[in-house]
Amino acid sequence: MSHVNYQQLTEAELQEYVKHNLQDEEAFQHYLKIVRAKPNRVVVSTGKQLEAELRTRLAL
């Protein structure tokens, strides 16, 4: 169990913490929760979907 208070970290600080503490599953899950809550989040499953999304966004 970790003693880090994730709520007090900025998103950037949490991201860095997760990068350097790969074994901390609780921190990773908290970071995912933040990322998934962002508006206009795009999820792609394949390279083709990514390419189509990039083409759409770059055409704007």
Protein backbone atom coordinates (compact mmCIF):
# COMPACT_ATOMS: atom_id res chain seq x y z
CA MET A 1 0.00 0.00 0.00
CA SER A 2 1.24 3.47 -0.84
CA HIS A 3 1.27 6.55 1.38
CA VAL A 4 0.98 9.01 -1.53
CA ASN A 5 -2.09 11.26 -1.50
CA TYR A 6 -3.05 11.16 -5.18
CA GLN A 7 -5.72 13.86 -4.80
CA GLN A 8 -3.04 16.40 -3.86
CA LEU A 9 -0.90 15.77 -6.95
CA THR A 10 -1.40 17.65 -10.20
CA GLU A 11 -2.08 15.50 -13.24
CA ALA A 12 1.51 16.05 -14.43
CA GLU A 13 2.92 15.11 -11.02
CA LEU A 14 0.76 11.98 -10.91
CA GLN A 15 1.84 11.02 -14.42
CA GLU A 16 5.49 11.32 -13.41
CA TYR A 17 4.87 9.36 -10.22
CA VAL A 18 3.21 6.55 -12.17
CA LYS A 19 6.09 6.46 -14.69
CA HIS A 20 8.60 5.96 -11.88
CA ASN A 21 6.46 3.66 -9.71
CA LEU A 22 5.11 1.10 -12.15
CA GLN A 23 4.25 -1.31 -9.35
CA ASP A 24 1.78 1.14 -7.76
CA GLU A 25 -1.47 -0.14 -9.25
CA GLU A 26 -3.58 2.22 -7.13
CA ALA A 27 -1.77 5.26 -8.53
CA PHE A 28 -2.10 3.92 -12.07
CA GLN A 29 -5.84 3.34 -11.67
CA HIS A 30 -6.30 6.84 -10.24
CA TYR A 31 -4.42 8.32 -13.20
CA LEU A 32 -6.60 6.34 -15.64
CA LYS A 33 -9.70 7.66 -13.89
CA ILE A 34 -8.52 11.24 -14.49
CA VAL A 35 -7.64 10.61 -18.13
CA ARG A 36 -10.93 8.84 -18.86
CA ALA A 37 -12.93 11.69 -17.34
CA LYS A 38 -11.57 14.26 -19.80
CA PRO A 39 -14.11 15.69 -22.25
CA ASN A 40 -13.69 15.00 -25.97
CA ARG A 41 -11.55 11.97 -25.29
CA VAL A 42 -11.04 9.84 -28.39
CA VAL A 43 -10.52 6.09 -28.14
CA VAL A 44 -9.18 4.12 -31.08
CA SER A 45 -8.50 0.40 -31.30
CA THR A 46 -6.66 0.07 -34.57
CA GLY A 47 -4.12 1.90 -36.65
CA LYS A 48 -6.80 2.55 -39.28
CA GLN A 49 -9.03 4.23 -36.71
CA LEU A 50 -6.11 6.36 -35.53
CA GLU A 51 -5.27 7.37 -39.08
CA ALA A 52 -8.89 8.30 -39.81
CA GLU A 53 -9.13 10.35 -36.61
CA LEU A 54 -5.89 12.19 -37.37
CA ARG A 55 -7.02 12.94 -40.93
CA THR A 56 -10.32 14.31 -39.61
CA ARG A 57 -8.66 16.52 -37.01
CA LEU A 58 -5.94 17.78 -39.36
CA ALA A 59 -8.52 18.69 -42.01
CA LEU A 60 -10.16 21.21 -39.66
